[in-house]
Protein backbone atom coordinates (compact mmCIF):
# COMPACT_ATOMS: atom_id res chain seq x y z
CA UNK A 1 -24.53 -1.77 -27.47
CA UNK A 2 -22.22 0.40 -25.38
CA UNK A 3 -19.91 -0.75 -22.59
CA UNK A 4 -22.31 0.59 -19.97
CA UNK A 5 -25.09 -1.59 -21.39
CA UNK A 6 -23.14 -4.77 -20.77
CA UNK A 7 -24.20 -7.20 -18.05
CA UNK A 8 -23.05 -6.19 -14.58
CA UNK A 9 -21.76 -9.72 -14.01
CA UNK A 10 -19.40 -9.41 -16.98
CA UNK A 11 -19.86 -13.05 -17.96
CA UNK A 12 -19.89 -12.60 -21.71
CA UNK A 13 -17.10 -13.07 -24.30
CA UNK A 14 -16.79 -9.30 -24.73
CA UNK A 15 -15.52 -8.92 -21.18
CA UNK A 16 -13.38 -12.07 -21.24
CA UNK A 17 -11.56 -10.56 -24.22
CA UNK A 18 -9.66 -8.39 -21.70
CA UNK A 19 -7.90 -11.47 -20.29
CA UNK A 20 -4.30 -11.42 -21.47
CA UNK A 21 -4.20 -7.67 -22.08
CA UNK A 22 -0.90 -6.08 -21.01
CA UNK A 23 0.49 -2.63 -20.35
CA UNK A 24 4.00 -1.41 -19.60
CA UNK A 25 5.09 1.51 -17.42
CA UNK A 26 8.48 2.94 -16.48
CA UNK A 27 9.19 4.86 -13.28
CA UNK A 28 12.15 6.31 -11.44
CA UNK A 29 12.15 5.14 -7.82
CA UNK A 30 12.63 8.74 -6.80
CA UNK A 31 14.33 9.39 -3.43
CA UNK A 32 12.13 12.49 -2.96
CA UNK A 33 8.92 10.44 -3.14
CA UNK A 34 10.41 7.80 -0.84
CA UNK A 35 11.40 10.47 1.70
CA UNK A 36 7.89 11.95 1.56
CA UNK A 37 6.30 8.57 2.34
CA UNK A 38 8.81 7.98 5.13
CA UNK A 39 7.77 11.30 6.69
CA UNK A 40 4.08 10.40 6.27
CA UNK A 41 4.56 7.05 8.03
CA UNK A 42 7.01 8.34 10.67
CA UNK A 43 9.67 5.90 9.41
CA UNK A 44 13.39 6.45 8.69
CA UNK A 45 13.92 7.56 5.10
CA UNK A 46 15.89 5.11 2.92
CA UNK A 47 18.70 6.70 0.96
CA UNK A 48 19.61 6.29 -2.70
CA UNK A 49 20.85 2.74 -3.21
CA UNK A 50 18.98 1.34 -0.20
CA UNK A 51 16.29 -1.27 -0.75
CA UNK A 52 12.79 0.12 -1.12
CA UNK A 53 10.72 -1.06 1.89
CA UNK A 54 7.94 -3.58 1.22
CA UNK A 55 4.70 -1.94 0.13
CA UNK A 56 6.40 1.27 -0.91
CA UNK A 57 6.37 0.14 -4.56
CA UNK A 58 2.73 1.32 -4.56
CA UNK A 59 4.07 4.88 -4.68
CA UNK A 60 5.00 4.32 -8.30
CA UNK A 61 3.48 3.35 -11.67
CA UNK A 62 0.10 4.87 -10.80
CA UNK A 63 -1.99 6.17 -13.72
CA UNK A 64 -1.86 9.90 -14.39
CA UNK A 65 -5.16 11.00 -15.93
CA UNK A 66 -6.17 14.50 -16.92
CA UNK A 67 -8.81 16.14 -14.75
CA UNK A 68 -11.29 15.95 -17.62
CA UNK A 69 -10.81 12.16 -17.73
CA UNK A 70 -11.94 11.53 -14.14
CA UNK A 71 -15.30 10.12 -13.14
CA UNK A 72 -17.53 11.27 -10.29
CA UNK A 73 -15.65 9.04 -7.83
CA UNK A 74 -12.27 10.57 -8.69
CA UNK A 75 -10.99 7.49 -10.53
CA UNK A 76 -10.13 7.71 -14.24
CA UNK A 77 -13.18 6.90 -16.37
CA UNK A 78 -13.00 3.37 -17.75
CA UNK A 79 -13.17 3.13 -21.54
CA UNK A 80 -12.81 0.29 -24.06
CA UNK A 81 -9.41 1.76 -24.92
CA UNK A 82 -8.13 1.48 -21.33
CA UNK A 83 -6.20 -1.31 -19.70
CA UNK A 84 -8.89 -2.46 -17.24
CA UNK A 85 -12.25 -3.69 -18.59
CA UNK A 86 -14.96 -0.99 -18.54
CA UNK A 87 -17.40 -3.00 -16.44
CA UNK A 88 -20.85 -1.58 -15.77
CA UNK A 89 -20.17 -1.78 -12.03
CA UNK A 90 -19.40 1.66 -10.63
CA UNK A 91 -17.74 0.84 -7.28
CA UNK A 92 -14.15 -0.35 -7.51
CA UNK A 93 -11.93 -1.49 -4.64
CA UNK A 94 -8.58 -3.18 -4.15
CA UNK A 95 -9.53 -6.46 -2.45
CA UNK A 96 -6.13 -8.01 -1.83
CA UNK A 97 -2.77 -9.06 -3.22
CA UNK A 98 -0.20 -11.85 -3.21
CA UNK A 99 3.33 -10.45 -3.45
CA UNK A 100 6.75 -12.04 -3.90
CA UNK A 101 9.84 -9.97 -3.13
CA UNK A 102 12.46 -11.60 -5.36
CA UNK A 103 15.29 -9.07 -5.03
CA UNK A 104 15.79 -5.59 -3.55
CA UNK A 105 14.49 -2.67 -5.61
CA UNK A 106 17.04 0.11 -5.02
CA UNK A 107 15.92 3.64 -4.26
CA UNK A 108 17.05 5.82 -7.16
CA UNK A 109 16.84 3.04 -9.74
CA UNK A 110 14.74 3.08 -12.89
CA UNK A 111 12.18 0.28 -12.94
CA UNK A 112 9.73 -1.18 -15.43
CA UNK A 113 6.37 -2.67 -14.53
CA UNK A 114 4.58 -5.02 -16.91
CA UNK A 115 0.94 -5.62 -15.95
CA UNK A 116 -1.22 -8.42 -17.32
CA UNK A 117 -4.91 -9.20 -16.78
CA UNK A 118 -5.06 -12.83 -15.72
CA UNK A 119 -8.72 -13.44 -14.90
CA UNK A 120 -12.14 -11.77 -15.00
CA UNK A 121 -14.40 -13.62 -12.57
CA UNK A 122 -18.07 -12.70 -12.02
CA UNK A 123 -19.62 -13.49 -8.66
CA UNK A 124 -22.84 -12.81 -6.79
CA UNK A 125 -22.52 -11.16 -3.37
CA UNK A 126 -24.92 -10.22 -0.61
CA UNK A 127 -25.16 -6.68 -1.97
CA UNK A 128 -25.62 -7.73 -5.60
CA UNK A 129 -23.47 -8.51 -8.59
CA UNK A 130 -19.72 -8.14 -8.46
CA UNK A 131 -16.73 -9.03 -10.56
CA UNK A 132 -13.11 -9.76 -9.63
CA UNK A 133 -10.34 -8.74 -12.00
CA UNK A 134 -6.97 -10.31 -11.22
CA UNK A 135 -3.89 -8.49 -12.50
CA UNK A 136 -0.25 -9.58 -12.30
CA UNK A 137 2.32 -6.80 -11.95
CA UNK A 138 5.96 -7.68 -12.60
CA UNK A 139 8.50 -5.01 -11.57
CA UNK A 140 12.03 -5.31 -12.95
CA UNK A 141 15.17 -3.20 -12.77
CA UNK A 142 18.61 -3.64 -14.31
CA UNK A 143 17.40 -6.69 -16.20
CA UNK A 144 16.20 -8.54 -13.08
CA UNK A 145 12.74 -9.19 -11.71
CA UNK A 146 12.40 -7.55 -8.29
CA UNK A 147 8.73 -7.78 -7.26
CA UNK A 148 5.84 -9.87 -8.60
CA UNK A 149 2.35 -9.09 -7.37
CA UNK A 150 -0.98 -10.69 -8.16
CA UNK A 151 -3.67 -8.12 -7.35
CA UNK A 152 -7.42 -8.63 -7.00
CA UNK A 153 -9.65 -5.70 -7.93
CA UNK A 154 -13.35 -6.04 -7.12
CA UNK A 155 -16.11 -4.16 -8.98
CA UNK A 156 -19.48 -3.85 -7.27
CA UNK A 157 -22.91 -2.43 -8.01
CA UNK A 158 -23.94 0.92 -6.60
CA UNK A 159 -26.24 0.72 -3.61
CA UNK A 160 -28.70 3.17 -2.11
CA UNK A 161 -28.57 1.28 1.18
CA UNK A 162 -25.91 2.24 3.70
CA UNK A 163 -23.04 -0.20 3.94
CA UNK A 164 -22.15 1.23 7.34
CA UNK A 165 -23.93 3.38 9.85
CA UNK A 166 -23.26 7.11 9.60
CA UNK A 167 -23.30 7.26 13.37
CA UNK A 168 -19.98 7.17 15.25
CA UNK A 169 -18.64 3.71 15.92
CA UNK A 170 -19.80 2.16 19.17
CA UNK A 171 -17.07 1.68 21.78
CA UNK A 172 -15.40 -1.68 21.42
CA UNK A 173 -15.87 -4.31 24.05
CA UNK A 174 -12.79 -4.46 26.31
CA UNK A 175 -12.18 -8.15 25.58
CA UNK A 176 -12.29 -7.46 21.84
CA UNK A 177 -9.72 -4.66 22.10
CA UNK A 178 -7.50 -6.84 24.30
CA UNK A 179 -7.48 -9.77 21.86
CA UNK A 180 -4.03 -11.27 22.42
CA UNK A 181 -1.22 -10.94 19.92
CA UNK A 182 2.52 -11.49 20.29
CA UNK A 183 3.23 -8.09 18.74
CA UNK A 184 0.64 -5.35 18.78
CA UNK A 185 0.66 -1.70 17.74
CA UNK A 186 -2.22 0.73 18.18
CA UNK A 187 -2.76 3.81 16.00
CA UNK A 188 -5.49 6.17 14.87
CA UNK A 189 -5.36 7.26 11.20
CA UNK A 190 -6.31 10.92 10.90
CA UNK A 191 -7.46 12.95 7.85
CA UNK A 192 -3.96 14.33 7.26
CA UNK A 193 -2.49 10.84 6.96
CA UNK A 194 -5.19 9.83 4.46
CA UNK A 195 -4.73 13.04 2.47
CA UNK A 196 -0.95 12.69 2.29
CA UNK A 197 -1.14 9.05 1.24
CA UNK A 198 -3.71 9.88 -1.45
CA UNK A 199 -1.46 12.65 -2.74
CA UNK A 200 1.70 10.53 -2.76
CA UNK A 201 0.03 7.67 -4.64
CA UNK A 202 -1.92 10.05 -6.92
CA UNK A 203 -5.13 8.38 -5.78
CA UNK A 204 -8.13 10.59 -6.51
CA UNK A 205 -10.77 8.26 -5.05
CA UNK A 206 -13.01 10.57 -3.05
CA UNK A 207 -13.85 8.08 -0.30
CA UNK A 208 -10.45 8.88 1.24
CA UNK A 209 -10.74 12.68 1.54
CA UNK A 210 -14.28 13.88 0.63
CA UNK A 211 -16.46 13.17 3.66
CA UNK A 212 -19.83 14.21 2.13
CA UNK A 213 -19.14 12.00 -0.90
CA UNK A 214 -18.05 9.03 1.23
CA UNK A 215 -21.18 9.28 3.39
CA UNK A 216 -23.88 10.42 1.00
CA UNK A 217 -22.88 8.72 -2.26
CA UNK A 218 -21.01 5.56 -1.25
CA UNK A 219 -22.76 5.30 2.13
CA UNK A 220 -19.71 4.73 4.29
CA UNK A 221 -19.74 5.81 7.91
CA UNK A 222 -16.80 8.15 7.33
CA UNK A 223 -13.63 8.55 5.27
CA UNK A 224 -12.14 5.16 4.40
CA UNK A 225 -8.55 4.19 5.18
CA UNK A 226 -6.77 3.04 2.02
CA UNK A 227 -6.37 -0.73 1.77
CA UNK A 228 -2.76 -0.50 0.51
CA UNK A 229 -1.94 1.92 3.34
CA UNK A 230 -3.13 -0.66 5.87
CA UNK A 231 -1.19 -3.37 4.03
CA UNK A 232 1.95 -1.20 4.07
CA UNK A 233 1.56 -0.65 7.81
CA UNK A 234 1.18 -4.40 8.35
CA UNK A 235 4.38 -5.12 6.40
CA UNK A 236 6.27 -2.58 8.48
CA UNK A 237 4.79 -4.17 11.62
CA UNK A 238 6.03 -7.59 10.47
CA UNK A 239 9.55 -6.24 9.94
CA UNK A 240 9.47 -4.54 13.34
CA UNK A 241 8.47 -7.87 14.93
CA UNK A 242 11.40 -9.70 13.31
CA UNK A 243 14.07 -7.02 12.76
CA UNK A 244 16.99 -7.80 10.53
CA UNK A 245 15.14 -10.46 8.55
CA UNK A 246 14.22 -10.34 4.85
CA UNK A 247 10.58 -10.46 3.73
CA UNK A 248 10.17 -12.93 0.86
CA UNK A 249 6.39 -12.84 0.39
CA UNK A 250 3.32 -11.05 1.69
CA UNK A 251 -0.35 -11.76 1.14
CA UNK A 252 -3.32 -9.73 2.31
CA UNK A 253 -7.09 -9.65 1.98
CA UNK A 254 -9.40 -6.82 2.97
CA UNK A 255 -12.49 -7.97 4.87
CA UNK A 256 -14.16 -4.71 5.92
CA UNK A 257 -13.32 -1.00 5.78
CA UNK A 258 -11.43 0.92 8.43
CA UNK A 259 -12.37 4.55 9.04
CA UNK A 260 -10.62 7.82 9.78
CA UNK A 261 -10.17 8.94 13.40
CA UNK A 262 -11.05 5.48 14.72
CA UNK A 263 -8.48 3.36 16.55
CA UNK A 264 -7.06 0.33 14.82
CA UNK A 265 -4.63 -2.31 15.98
CA UNK A 266 -1.90 -4.05 14.01
CA UNK A 267 -1.32 -7.58 15.32
CA UNK A 268 1.35 -10.16 14.48
CA UNK A 269 1.81 -13.72 15.69
CA UNK A 270 4.40 -16.34 14.68
CA UNK A 271 3.29 -19.38 12.70
CA UNK A 272 6.44 -21.42 12.49
CA UNK A 273 10.02 -20.26 12.18
CA UNK A 274 9.61 -18.10 9.08
CA UNK A 275 5.96 -17.03 8.92
CA UNK A 276 3.90 -14.38 10.67
CA UNK A 277 0.12 -14.16 10.70
CA UNK A 278 -1.05 -10.55 10.76
CA UNK A 279 -4.33 -8.76 11.36
CA UNK A 280 -5.57 -5.19 11.29
CA UNK A 281 -8.37 -4.89 13.82
CA UNK A 282 -11.30 -2.46 13.79
CA UNK A 283 -12.35 -0.74 17.04
CA UNK A 284 -14.77 -3.57 17.88
CA UNK A 285 -12.01 -6.16 17.54
CA UNK A 286 -13.21 -7.48 14.18
CA UNK A 287 -10.51 -8.34 11.64
CA UNK A 288 -10.62 -5.73 8.88
CA UNK A 289 -7.59 -7.09 7.03
CA UNK A 290 -5.79 -10.39 7.40
CA UNK A 291 -2.35 -11.10 6.04
CA UNK A 292 0.62 -13.42 6.14
CA UNK A 293 4.30 -12.56 5.88
CA UNK A 294 6.87 -15.15 4.83
CA UNK A 295 10.49 -14.44 5.71
CA UNK A 296 13.71 -15.80 4.24
CA UNK A 297 14.85 -18.81 6.29
CA UNK A 298 17.54 -18.10 8.84
CA UNK A 299 21.02 -19.32 8.16
């Protein structure tokens, strides 16, 4: 029996054998890559020795696969020899993360990331079978842990039914757009932003730049905004809301896709002295991503 013949719910011992698997990667936190992301996000560029901004660690440690090793979706083909389990579920998405920022990761440093598969959890969703794979990434530099992230990756079945209308989004109701927030920022991700972020993170997933593929194969309404891009924007929004403070932890969960050339809103509200509740809102006011940011206590 081949990997592709395995159950789509991945509830057999063969799949559970991936739990505990580890891989190690080394990366230079290159100032050139950091400057390129700063330009892409219209943010000031940190210099060598400065702390890497939260979320910018996703620039690094990304797999580099040969062109011949890519699947139809642009992701590397999963094999039994790879780190992630080769589930017979073709659609893969980053569902959310829980991150602890333990110490600054300096720009220009050399860092090591050790990744470990913690759980493989089958579930049944409205659109069919799915499976969550939880991975812990531990980033260290100069003998000290800097960032620890627990990441949820969801695998889903292919579907011939549209997950979103291919028609343009309907205008949002005024009261939905005006949903109150203490700090709010509006923006409209365009194709150039999505292309540049894909290039910087070496992300070949075609839903972010190949409109015919996104619409006709994966049945999205349009190009999809990267989940980690939205999460990076939310972390920057949190730091803008409380300037001068240190982010200790950040947690996010994607609830629905956001699409290119459609307005989105970043919202932040205080929840106590050291915690912000954050949302990324779709044009109709629905929460597409929710998050929390925990800051180091004052004093």
